[in-house]
Amino acid sequence: FGAALTPVQCIHYALTRPGVASILAGYDTPEHVKAAVAYET
């Protein structure tokens, strides 16, 4: 797109598709986990 998205924006895109229950993200560190679950708040 020539534009950057954040993990939270990518997660929101996936979770707004019909039929989607969960997005299984990859994590190297606990900090990566926290960046993803930041979506919840």
PDB file of all heavy atoms in Angstrom:
ATOM      1  N   PHE A   1       0.811  -1.211   0.000  1.00  0.00           N
ATOM      2  CA  PHE A   1       0.000   0.000   0.000  1.00  0.00           C
ATOM      3  C   PHE A   1       0.847   1.265   0.000  1.00  0.00           C
ATOM      4  O   PHE A   1       0.344   2.360  -0.216  1.00  0.00           O
ATOM      5  CB  PHE A   1      -0.915   0.025   1.230  1.00  0.00           C
ATOM      6  CG  PHE A   1      -1.800  -1.173   1.351  1.00  0.00           C
ATOM      7  CD1 PHE A   1      -1.542  -2.150   2.299  1.00  0.00           C
ATOM      8  CD2 PHE A   1      -2.875  -1.346   0.500  1.00  0.00           C
ATOM      9  CE1 PHE A   1      -2.348  -3.271   2.411  1.00  0.00           C
ATOM     10  CE2 PHE A   1      -3.684  -2.456   0.599  1.00  0.00           C
ATOM     11  CZ  PHE A   1      -3.424  -3.423   1.553  1.00  0.00           C
ATOM     12  N   GLY A   2       2.146   1.128   0.290  1.00  0.00           N
ATOM     13  CA  GLY A   2       2.986   2.308   0.442  1.00  0.00           C
ATOM     14  C   GLY A   2       2.700   3.042   1.731  1.00  0.00           C
ATOM     15  O   GLY A   2       3.041   4.217   1.890  1.00  0.00           O
ATOM     16  N   ALA A   3       2.070   2.369   2.673  1.00  0.00           N
ATOM     17  CA  ALA A   3       1.739   2.950   3.974  1.00  0.00           C
ATOM     18  C   ALA A   3       1.826   1.847   5.021  1.00  0.00           C
ATOM     19  O   ALA A   3       1.526   0.691   4.735  1.00  0.00           O
ATOM     20  CB  ALA A   3       0.334   3.541   3.957  1.00  0.00           C
ATOM     21  N   ALA A   4       2.250   2.205   6.220  1.00  0.00           N
ATOM     22  CA  ALA A   4       2.458   1.228   7.283  1.00  0.00           C
ATOM     23  C   ALA A   4       1.211   1.073   8.141  1.00  0.00           C
ATOM     24  O   ALA A   4       0.495   2.042   8.415  1.00  0.00           O
ATOM     25  CB  ALA A   4       3.634   1.650   8.156  1.00  0.00           C
ATOM     26  N   LEU A   5       0.956  -0.167   8.578  1.00  0.00           N
ATOM     27  CA  LEU A   5      -0.073  -0.471   9.553  1.00  0.00           C
ATOM     28  C   LEU A   5       0.587  -0.942  10.849  1.00  0.00           C
ATOM     29  O   LEU A   5       1.726  -1.419  10.834  1.00  0.00           O
ATOM     30  CB  LEU A   5      -1.011  -1.565   9.031  1.00  0.00           C
ATOM     31  CG  LEU A   5      -1.885  -1.218   7.820  1.00  0.00           C
ATOM     32  CD1 LEU A   5      -2.582  -2.460   7.296  1.00  0.00           C
ATOM     33  CD2 LEU A   5      -2.921  -0.162   8.186  1.00  0.00           C
ATOM     34  N   THR A   6      -0.128  -0.848  11.943  1.00  0.00           N
ATOM     35  CA  THR A   6       0.359  -1.337  13.229  1.00  0.00           C
ATOM     36  C   THR A   6      -0.170  -2.757  13.466  1.00  0.00           C
ATOM     37  O   THR A   6      -1.133  -3.187  12.804  1.00  0.00           O
ATOM     38  CB  THR A   6      -0.122  -0.436  14.369  1.00  0.00           C
ATOM     39  OG1 THR A   6      -1.561  -0.550  14.469  1.00  0.00           O
ATOM     40  CG2 THR A   6       0.261   1.011  14.128  1.00  0.00           C
ATOM     41  N   PRO A   7       0.407  -3.484  14.431  1.00  0.00           N
ATOM     42  CA  PRO A   7      -0.174  -4.788  14.782  1.00  0.00           C
ATOM     43  C   PRO A   7      -1.652  -4.689  15.153  1.00  0.00           C
ATOM     44  O   PRO A   7      -2.453  -5.541  14.734  1.00  0.00           O
ATOM     45  CB  PRO A   7       0.679  -5.232  15.979  1.00  0.00           C
ATOM     46  CG  PRO A   7       2.007  -4.595  15.743  1.00  0.00           C
ATOM     47  CD  PRO A   7       1.686  -3.253  15.147  1.00  0.00           C
ATOM     48  N   VAL A   8      -2.022  -3.672  15.910  1.00  0.00           N
ATOM     49  CA  VAL A   8      -3.418  -3.520  16.316  1.00  0.00           C
ATOM     50  C   VAL A   8      -4.321  -3.331  15.099  1.00  0.00           C
ATOM     51  O   VAL A   8      -5.414  -3.903  15.015  1.00  0.00           O
ATOM     52  CB  VAL A   8      -3.569  -2.348  17.310  1.00  0.00           C
ATOM     53  CG1 VAL A   8      -5.034  -1.926  17.465  1.00  0.00           C
ATOM     54  CG2 VAL A   8      -2.985  -2.724  18.656  1.00  0.00           C
ATOM     55  N   GLN A   9      -3.882  -2.551  14.120  1.00  0.00           N
ATOM     56  CA  GLN A   9      -4.692  -2.337  12.917  1.00  0.00           C
ATOM     57  C   GLN A   9      -4.812  -3.625  12.089  1.00  0.00           C
ATOM     58  O   GLN A   9      -5.894  -3.938  11.573  1.00  0.00           O
ATOM     59  CB  GLN A   9      -4.079  -1.215  12.077  1.00  0.00           C
ATOM     60  CG  GLN A   9      -4.246   0.161  12.707  1.00  0.00           C
ATOM     61  CD  GLN A   9      -3.368   1.219  12.067  1.00  0.00           C
ATOM     62  OE1 GLN A   9      -2.318   0.925  11.499  1.00  0.00           O
ATOM     63  NE2 GLN A   9      -3.786   2.476  12.166  1.00  0.00           N
ATOM     64  N   CYS A  10      -3.741  -4.371  11.976  1.00  0.00           N
ATOM     65  CA  CYS A  10      -3.787  -5.648  11.251  1.00  0.00           C
ATOM     66  C   CYS A  10      -4.739  -6.623  11.942  1.00  0.00           C
ATOM     67  O   CYS A  10      -5.515  -7.335  11.288  1.00  0.00           O
ATOM     68  CB  CYS A  10      -2.396  -6.264  11.164  1.00  0.00           C
ATOM     69  SG  CYS A  10      -1.243  -5.386  10.096  1.00  0.00           S
ATOM     70  N   ILE A  11      -4.661  -6.669  13.259  1.00  0.00           N
ATOM     71  CA  ILE A  11      -5.534  -7.547  14.034  1.00  0.00           C
ATOM     72  C   ILE A  11      -6.991  -7.157  13.832  1.00  0.00           C
ATOM     73  O   ILE A  11      -7.867  -8.011  13.620  1.00  0.00           O
ATOM     74  CB  ILE A  11      -5.140  -7.517  15.520  1.00  0.00           C
ATOM     75  CG1 ILE A  11      -3.807  -8.239  15.728  1.00  0.00           C
ATOM     76  CG2 ILE A  11      -6.228  -8.145  16.395  1.00  0.00           C
ATOM     77  CD1 ILE A  11      -3.188  -8.020  17.089  1.00  0.00           C
ATOM     78  N   HIS A  12      -7.261  -5.856  13.883  1.00  0.00           N
ATOM     79  CA  HIS A  12      -8.644  -5.400  13.719  1.00  0.00           C
ATOM     80  C   HIS A  12      -9.170  -5.744  12.330  1.00  0.00           C
ATOM     81  O   HIS A  12     -10.330  -6.146  12.184  1.00  0.00           O
ATOM     82  CB  HIS A  12      -8.732  -3.895  13.970  1.00  0.00           C
ATOM     83  CG  HIS A  12     -10.136  -3.406  14.144  1.00  0.00           C
ATOM     84  ND1 HIS A  12     -11.015  -3.966  15.044  1.00  0.00           N
ATOM     85  CD2 HIS A  12     -10.828  -2.406  13.528  1.00  0.00           C
ATOM     86  CE1 HIS A  12     -12.178  -3.342  14.975  1.00  0.00           C
ATOM     87  NE2 HIS A  12     -12.087  -2.394  14.061  1.00  0.00           N
ATOM     88  N   TYR A  13      -8.327  -5.613  11.327  1.00  0.00           N
ATOM     89  CA  TYR A  13      -8.755  -5.979   9.975  1.00  0.00           C
ATOM     90  C   TYR A  13      -9.173  -7.448   9.937  1.00  0.00           C
ATOM     91  O   TYR A  13     -10.250  -7.801   9.437  1.00  0.00           O
ATOM     92  CB  TYR A  13      -7.638  -5.731   8.952  1.00  0.00           C
ATOM     93  CG  TYR A  13      -8.066  -6.098   7.554  1.00  0.00           C
ATOM     94  CD1 TYR A  13      -8.714  -5.179   6.745  1.00  0.00           C
ATOM     95  CD2 TYR A  13      -7.864  -7.382   7.055  1.00  0.00           C
ATOM     96  CE1 TYR A  13      -9.154  -5.517   5.479  1.00  0.00           C
ATOM     97  CE2 TYR A  13      -8.296  -7.738   5.785  1.00  0.00           C
ATOM     98  CZ  TYR A  13      -8.939  -6.796   5.000  1.00  0.00           C
ATOM     99  OH  TYR A  13      -9.384  -7.147   3.755  1.00  0.00           O
ATOM    100  N   ALA A  14      -8.323  -8.334  10.461  1.00  0.00           N
ATOM    101  CA  ALA A  14      -8.620  -9.766  10.427  1.00  0.00           C
ATOM    102  C   ALA A  14      -9.893 -10.080  11.204  1.00  0.00           C
ATOM    103  O   ALA A  14     -10.745 -10.859  10.746  1.00  0.00           O
ATOM    104  CB  ALA A  14      -7.443 -10.557  10.985  1.00  0.00           C
ATOM    105  N   LEU A  15     -10.048  -9.475  12.375  1.00  0.00           N
ATOM    106  CA  LEU A  15     -11.182  -9.804  13.231  1.00  0.00           C
ATOM    107  C   LEU A  15     -12.497  -9.211  12.737  1.00  0.00           C
ATOM    108  O   LEU A  15     -13.558  -9.584  13.231  1.00  0.00           O
ATOM    109  CB  LEU A  15     -10.909  -9.347  14.660  1.00  0.00           C
ATOM    110  CG  LEU A  15      -9.824 -10.125  15.415  1.00  0.00           C
ATOM    111  CD1 LEU A  15      -9.569  -9.512  16.786  1.00  0.00           C
ATOM    112  CD2 LEU A  15     -10.187 -11.600  15.548  1.00  0.00           C
ATOM    113  N   THR A  16     -12.448  -8.329  11.765  1.00  0.00           N
ATOM    114  CA  THR A  16     -13.682  -7.802  11.192  1.00  0.00           C
ATOM    115  C   THR A  16     -14.093  -8.541   9.927  1.00  0.00           C
ATOM    116  O   THR A  16     -15.102  -8.192   9.311  1.00  0.00           O
ATOM    117  CB  THR A  16     -13.567  -6.291  10.901  1.00  0.00           C
ATOM    118  OG1 THR A  16     -12.380  -6.029  10.161  1.00  0.00           O
ATOM    119  CG2 THR A  16     -13.560  -5.491  12.188  1.00  0.00           C
ATOM    120  N   ARG A  17     -13.350  -9.585   9.532  1.00  0.00           N
ATOM    121  CA  ARG A  17     -13.795 -10.421   8.417  1.00  0.00           C
ATOM    122  C   ARG A  17     -14.880 -11.382   8.921  1.00  0.00           C
ATOM    123  O   ARG A  17     -14.744 -11.976   9.993  1.00  0.00           O
ATOM    124  CB  ARG A  17     -12.662 -11.275   7.837  1.00  0.00           C
ATOM    125  CG  ARG A  17     -11.445 -10.545   7.277  1.00  0.00           C
ATOM    126  CD  ARG A  17     -11.765  -9.440   6.317  1.00  0.00           C
ATOM    127  NE  ARG A  17     -11.899  -8.175   7.039  1.00  0.00           N
ATOM    128  CZ  ARG A  17     -12.484  -7.088   6.564  1.00  0.00           C
ATOM    129  NH1 ARG A  17     -13.028  -7.093   5.370  1.00  0.00           N
ATOM    130  NH2 ARG A  17     -12.542  -5.990   7.277  1.00  0.00           N
ATOM    131  N   PRO A  18     -15.949 -11.578   8.146  1.00  0.00           N
ATOM    132  CA  PRO A  18     -16.969 -12.551   8.550  1.00  0.00           C
ATOM    133  C   PRO A  18     -16.348 -13.940   8.754  1.00  0.00           C
ATOM    134  O   PRO A  18     -15.482 -14.371   7.990  1.00  0.00           O
ATOM    135  CB  PRO A  18     -17.926 -12.558   7.355  1.00  0.00           C
ATOM    136  CG  PRO A  18     -17.748 -11.215   6.711  1.00  0.00           C
ATOM    137  CD  PRO A  18     -16.299 -10.890   6.885  1.00  0.00           C
ATOM    138  N   GLY A  19     -16.797 -14.620   9.784  1.00  0.00           N
ATOM    139  CA  GLY A  19     -16.350 -15.988  10.031  1.00  0.00           C
ATOM    140  C   GLY A  19     -15.105 -16.116  10.877  1.00  0.00           C
ATOM    141  O   GLY A  19     -14.806 -17.202  11.381  1.00  0.00           O
ATOM    142  N   VAL A  20     -14.350 -15.035  11.032  1.00  0.00           N
ATOM    143  CA  VAL A  20     -13.074 -15.121  11.753  1.00  0.00           C
ATOM    144  C   VAL A  20     -13.318 -15.170  13.258  1.00  0.00           C
ATOM    145  O   VAL A  20     -14.051 -14.346  13.806  1.00  0.00           O
ATOM    146  CB  VAL A  20     -12.148 -13.944  11.396  1.00  0.00           C
ATOM    147  CG1 VAL A  20     -10.980 -13.845  12.366  1.00  0.00           C
ATOM    148  CG2 VAL A  20     -11.635 -14.097   9.969  1.00  0.00           C
ATOM    149  N   ALA A  21     -12.664 -16.137  13.914  1.00  0.00           N
ATOM    150  CA  ALA A  21     -12.783 -16.289  15.363  1.00  0.00           C
ATOM    151  C   ALA A  21     -11.538 -15.805  16.092  1.00  0.00           C
ATOM    152  O   ALA A  21     -11.639 -15.242  17.180  1.00  0.00           O
ATOM    153  CB  ALA A  21     -13.052 -17.750  15.718  1.00  0.00           C
ATOM    154  N   SER A  22     -10.351 -16.038  15.514  1.00  0.00           N
ATOM    155  CA  SER A  22      -9.109 -15.711  16.226  1.00  0.00           C
ATOM    156  C   SER A  22      -7.993 -15.463  15.228  1.00  0.00           C
ATOM    157  O   SER A  22      -7.916 -16.127  14.189  1.00  0.00           O
ATOM    158  CB  SER A  22      -8.723 -16.872  17.154  1.00  0.00           C
ATOM    159  OG  SER A  22      -7.530 -16.599  17.859  1.00  0.00           O
ATOM    160  N   ILE A  23      -7.133 -14.517  15.551  1.00  0.00           N
ATOM    161  CA  ILE A  23      -5.926 -14.307  14.765  1.00  0.00           C
ATOM    162  C   ILE A  23      -4.746 -14.847  15.555  1.00  0.00           C
ATOM    163  O   ILE A  23      -4.526 -14.466  16.708  1.00  0.00           O
ATOM    164  CB  ILE A  23      -5.712 -12.828  14.380  1.00  0.00           C
ATOM    165  CG1 ILE A  23      -4.367 -12.639  13.677  1.00  0.00           C
ATOM    166  CG2 ILE A  23      -5.877 -11.898  15.560  1.00  0.00           C
ATOM    167  CD1 ILE A  23      -4.174 -11.262  13.051  1.00  0.00           C
ATOM    168  N   LEU A  24      -4.003 -15.764  14.954  1.00  0.00           N
ATOM    169  CA  LEU A  24      -2.891 -16.431  15.616  1.00  0.00           C
ATOM    170  C   LEU A  24      -1.603 -15.733  15.207  1.00  0.00           C
ATOM    171  O   LEU A  24      -1.022 -16.030  14.155  1.00  0.00           O
ATOM    172  CB  LEU A  24      -2.857 -17.916  15.234  1.00  0.00           C
ATOM    173  CG  LEU A  24      -4.191 -18.659  15.406  1.00  0.00           C
ATOM    174  CD1 LEU A  24      -4.031 -20.130  15.046  1.00  0.00           C
ATOM    175  CD2 LEU A  24      -4.729 -18.513  16.819  1.00  0.00           C
ATOM    176  N   ALA A  25      -1.184 -14.798  16.025  1.00  0.00           N
ATOM    177  CA  ALA A  25       0.003 -14.007  15.708  1.00  0.00           C
ATOM    178  C   ALA A  25       1.255 -14.727  16.189  1.00  0.00           C
ATOM    179  O   ALA A  25       1.211 -15.562  17.096  1.00  0.00           O
ATOM    180  CB  ALA A  25      -0.103 -12.634  16.360  1.00  0.00           C
ATOM    181  N   GLY A  26       2.380 -14.381  15.568  1.00  0.00           N
ATOM    182  CA  GLY A  26       3.662 -14.949  15.975  1.00  0.00           C
ATOM    183  C   GLY A  26       4.367 -14.037  16.961  1.00  0.00           C
ATOM    184  O   GLY A  26       4.334 -12.808  16.817  1.00  0.00           O
ATOM    185  N   TYR A  27       5.004 -14.632  17.979  1.00  0.00           N
ATOM    186  CA  TYR A  27       5.669 -13.851  19.014  1.00  0.00           C
ATOM    187  C   TYR A  27       7.071 -14.400  19.265  1.00  0.00           C
ATOM    188  O   TYR A  27       7.245 -15.595  19.504  1.00  0.00           O
ATOM    189  CB  TYR A  27       4.889 -13.916  20.329  1.00  0.00           C
ATOM    190  CG  TYR A  27       3.399 -13.698  20.204  1.00  0.00           C
ATOM    191  CD1 TYR A  27       2.495 -14.697  20.578  1.00  0.00           C
ATOM    192  CD2 TYR A  27       2.878 -12.504  19.709  1.00  0.00           C
ATOM    193  CE1 TYR A  27       1.131 -14.508  20.475  1.00  0.00           C
ATOM    194  CE2 TYR A  27       1.508 -12.305  19.601  1.00  0.00           C
ATOM    195  CZ  TYR A  27       0.635 -13.318  19.978  1.00  0.00           C
ATOM    196  OH  TYR A  27      -0.718 -13.119  19.870  1.00  0.00           O
ATOM    197  N   ASP A  28       8.053 -13.524  19.235  1.00  0.00           N
ATOM    198  CA  ASP A  28       9.409 -13.887  19.634  1.00  0.00           C
ATOM    199  C   ASP A  28       9.630 -13.673  21.125  1.00  0.00           C
ATOM    200  O   ASP A  28      10.437 -14.363  21.745  1.00  0.00           O
ATOM    201  CB  ASP A  28      10.434 -13.032  18.870  1.00  0.00           C
ATOM    202  CG  ASP A  28      10.843 -13.653  17.549  1.00  0.00           C
ATOM    203  OD1 ASP A  28      11.099 -14.862  17.522  1.00  0.00           O
ATOM    204  OD2 ASP A  28      10.900 -12.923  16.547  1.00  0.00           O
ATOM    205  N   THR A  29       8.927 -12.695  21.678  1.00  0.00           N
ATOM    206  CA  THR A  29       9.160 -12.278  23.056  1.00  0.00           C
ATOM    207  C   THR A  29       7.833 -11.922  23.724  1.00  0.00           C
ATOM    208  O   THR A  29       6.827 -11.678  23.039  1.00  0.00           O
ATOM    209  CB  THR A  29      10.054 -11.023  23.113  1.00  0.00           C
ATOM    210  OG1 THR A  29       9.334  -9.929  22.503  1.00  0.00           O
ATOM    211  CG2 THR A  29      11.366 -11.230  22.362  1.00  0.00           C
ATOM    212  N   PRO A  30       7.816 -11.850  25.059  1.00  0.00           N
ATOM    213  CA  PRO A  30       6.608 -11.370  25.731  1.00  0.00           C
ATOM    214  C   PRO A  30       6.190  -9.970  25.276  1.00  0.00           C
ATOM    215  O   PRO A  30       4.998  -9.651  25.274  1.00  0.00           O
ATOM    216  CB  PRO A  30       7.021 -11.377  27.213  1.00  0.00           C
ATOM    217  CG  PRO A  30       8.036 -12.481  27.307  1.00  0.00           C
ATOM    218  CD  PRO A  30       8.812 -12.378  26.021  1.00  0.00           C
ATOM    219  N   GLU A  31       7.155  -9.158  24.866  1.00  0.00           N
ATOM    220  CA  GLU A  31       6.815  -7.814  24.385  1.00  0.00           C
ATOM    221  C   GLU A  31       5.959  -7.889  23.119  1.00  0.00           C
ATOM    222  O   GLU A  31       5.066  -7.059  22.915  1.00  0.00           O
ATOM    223  CB  GLU A  31       8.096  -7.010  24.113  1.00  0.00           C
ATOM    224  CG  GLU A  31       8.803  -6.529  25.372  1.00  0.00           C
ATOM    225  CD  GLU A  31       9.352  -7.662  26.238  1.00  0.00           C
ATOM    226  OE1 GLU A  31       9.835  -8.670  25.668  1.00  0.00           O
ATOM    227  OE2 GLU A  31       9.284  -7.547  27.477  1.00  0.00           O
ATOM    228  N   HIS A  32       6.237  -8.877  22.261  1.00  0.00           N
ATOM    229  CA  HIS A  32       5.408  -9.064  21.065  1.00  0.00           C
ATOM    230  C   HIS A  32       3.989  -9.462  21.454  1.00  0.00           C
ATOM    231  O   HIS A  32       3.019  -9.051  20.808  1.00  0.00           O
ATOM    232  CB  HIS A  32       6.010 -10.134  20.159  1.00  0.00           C
ATOM    233  CG  HIS A  32       7.224  -9.696  19.416  1.00  0.00           C
ATOM    234  ND1 HIS A  32       8.131 -10.571  18.865  1.00  0.00           N
ATOM    235  CD2 HIS A  32       7.698  -8.456  19.126  1.00  0.00           C
ATOM    236  CE1 HIS A  32       9.099  -9.903  18.271  1.00  0.00           C
ATOM    237  NE2 HIS A  32       8.856  -8.609  18.417  1.00  0.00           N
ATOM    238  N   VAL A  33       3.864 -10.295  22.479  1.00  0.00           N
ATOM    239  CA  VAL A  33       2.539 -10.676  22.970  1.00  0.00           C
ATOM    240  C   VAL A  33       1.788  -9.431  23.429  1.00  0.00           C
ATOM    241  O   VAL A  33       0.616  -9.222  23.078  1.00  0.00           O
ATOM    242  CB  VAL A  33       2.647 -11.679  24.136  1.00  0.00           C
ATOM    243  CG1 VAL A  33       1.251 -12.043  24.658  1.00  0.00           C
ATOM    244  CG2 VAL A  33       3.395 -12.939  23.714  1.00  0.00           C
ATOM    245  N   LYS A  34       2.460  -8.592  24.193  1.00  0.00           N
ATOM    246  CA  LYS A  34       1.820  -7.387  24.723  1.00  0.00           C
ATOM    247  C   LYS A  34       1.400  -6.436  23.601  1.00  0.00           C
ATOM    248  O   LYS A  34       0.361  -5.768  23.699  1.00  0.00           O
ATOM    249  CB  LYS A  34       2.761  -6.686  25.697  1.00  0.00           C
ATOM    250  CG  LYS A  34       3.032  -7.496  26.962  1.00  0.00           C
ATOM    251  CD  LYS A  34       4.136  -6.879  27.815  1.00  0.00           C
ATOM    252  CE  LYS A  34       4.484  -7.774  28.992  1.00  0.00           C
ATOM    253  NZ  LYS A  34       5.627  -7.249  29.779  1.00  0.00           N
ATOM    254  N   ALA A  35       2.189  -6.385  22.519  1.00  0.00           N
ATOM    255  CA  ALA A  35       1.833  -5.522  21.391  1.00  0.00           C
ATOM    256  C   ALA A  35       0.555  -6.004  20.720  1.00  0.00           C
ATOM    257  O   ALA A  35      -0.225  -5.198  20.203  1.00  0.00           O
ATOM    258  CB  ALA A  35       2.983  -5.492  20.377  1.00  0.00           C
ATOM    259  N   ALA A  36       0.345  -7.316  20.720  1.00  0.00           N
ATOM    260  CA  ALA A  36      -0.877  -7.868  20.121  1.00  0.00           C
ATOM    261  C   ALA A  36      -2.077  -7.706  21.040  1.00  0.00           C
ATOM    262  O   ALA A  36      -3.149  -7.233  20.617  1.00  0.00           O
ATOM    263  CB  ALA A  36      -0.677  -9.344  19.781  1.00  0.00           C
ATOM    264  N   VAL A  37      -1.921  -8.054  22.314  1.00  0.00           N
ATOM    265  CA  VAL A  37      -3.076  -7.976  23.222  1.00  0.00           C
ATOM    266  C   VAL A  37      -3.429  -6.531  23.557  1.00  0.00           C
ATOM    267  O   VAL A  37      -4.504  -6.271  24.126  1.00  0.00           O
ATOM    268  CB  VAL A  37      -2.848  -8.796  24.511  1.00  0.00           C
ATOM    269  CG1 VAL A  37      -2.660 -10.270  24.181  1.00  0.00           C
ATOM    270  CG2 VAL A  37      -1.681  -8.262  25.310  1.00  0.00           C
ATOM    271  N   ALA A  38      -2.582  -5.599  23.175  1.00  0.00           N
ATOM    272  CA  ALA A  38      -2.953  -4.187  23.304  1.00  0.00           C
ATOM    273  C   ALA A  38      -4.226  -3.895  22.528  1.00  0.00           C
ATOM    274  O   ALA A  38      -4.928  -2.905  22.800  1.00  0.00           O
ATOM    275  CB  ALA A  38      -1.806  -3.301  22.807  1.00  0.00           C
ATOM    276  N   TYR A  39      -4.531  -4.760  21.567  1.00  0.00           N
ATOM    277  CA  TYR A  39      -5.775  -4.614  20.803  1.00  0.00           C
ATOM    278  C   TYR A  39      -6.994  -4.597  21.720  1.00  0.00           C
ATOM    279  O   TYR A  39      -7.973  -3.877  21.466  1.00  0.00           O
ATOM    280  CB  TYR A  39      -5.907  -5.769  19.814  1.00  0.00           C
ATOM    281  CG  TYR A  39      -7.214  -5.772  19.066  1.00  0.00           C
ATOM    282  CD1 TYR A  39      -7.410  -4.930  17.986  1.00  0.00           C
ATOM    283  CD2 TYR A  39      -8.265  -6.601  19.458  1.00  0.00           C
ATOM    284  CE1 TYR A  39      -8.615  -4.907  17.301  1.00  0.00           C
ATOM    285  CE2 TYR A  39      -9.471  -6.591  18.793  1.00  0.00           C
ATOM    286  CZ  TYR A  39      -9.642  -5.742  17.712  1.00  0.00           C
ATOM    287  OH  TYR A  39     -10.842  -5.719  17.047  1.00  0.00           O
ATOM    288  N   GLU A  40      -6.941  -5.370  22.789  1.00  0.00           N
ATOM    289  CA  GLU A  40      -8.100  -5.529  23.655  1.00  0.00           C
ATOM    290  C   GLU A  40      -8.483  -4.237  24.362  1.00  0.00           C
ATOM    291  O   GLU A  40      -9.628  -4.069  24.785  1.00  0.00           O
ATOM    292  CB  GLU A  40      -7.849  -6.638  24.676  1.00  0.00           C
ATOM    293  CG  GLU A  40      -7.653  -8.020  24.055  1.00  0.00           C
ATOM    294  CD  GLU A  40      -8.863  -8.484  23.268  1.00  0.00           C
ATOM    295  OE1 GLU A  40      -9.982  -8.455  23.822  1.00  0.00           O
ATOM    296  OE2 GLU A  40      -8.709  -8.860  22.093  1.00  0.00           O
ATOM    297  N   THR A  41      -7.555  -3.338  24.520  1.00  0.00           N
ATOM    298  CA  THR A  41      -7.838  -2.058  25.180  1.00  0.00           C
ATOM    299  C   THR A  41      -7.619  -0.870  24.248  1.00  0.00           C
ATOM    300  O   THR A  41      -7.633   0.281  24.694  1.00  0.00           O
ATOM    301  CB  THR A  41      -6.950  -1.900  26.431  1.00  0.00           C
ATOM    302  OG1 THR A  41      -5.574  -2.058  26.065  1.00  0.00           O
ATOM    303  CG2 THR A  41      -7.308  -2.940  27.491  1.00  0.00           C
TER     304      THR A  41
END
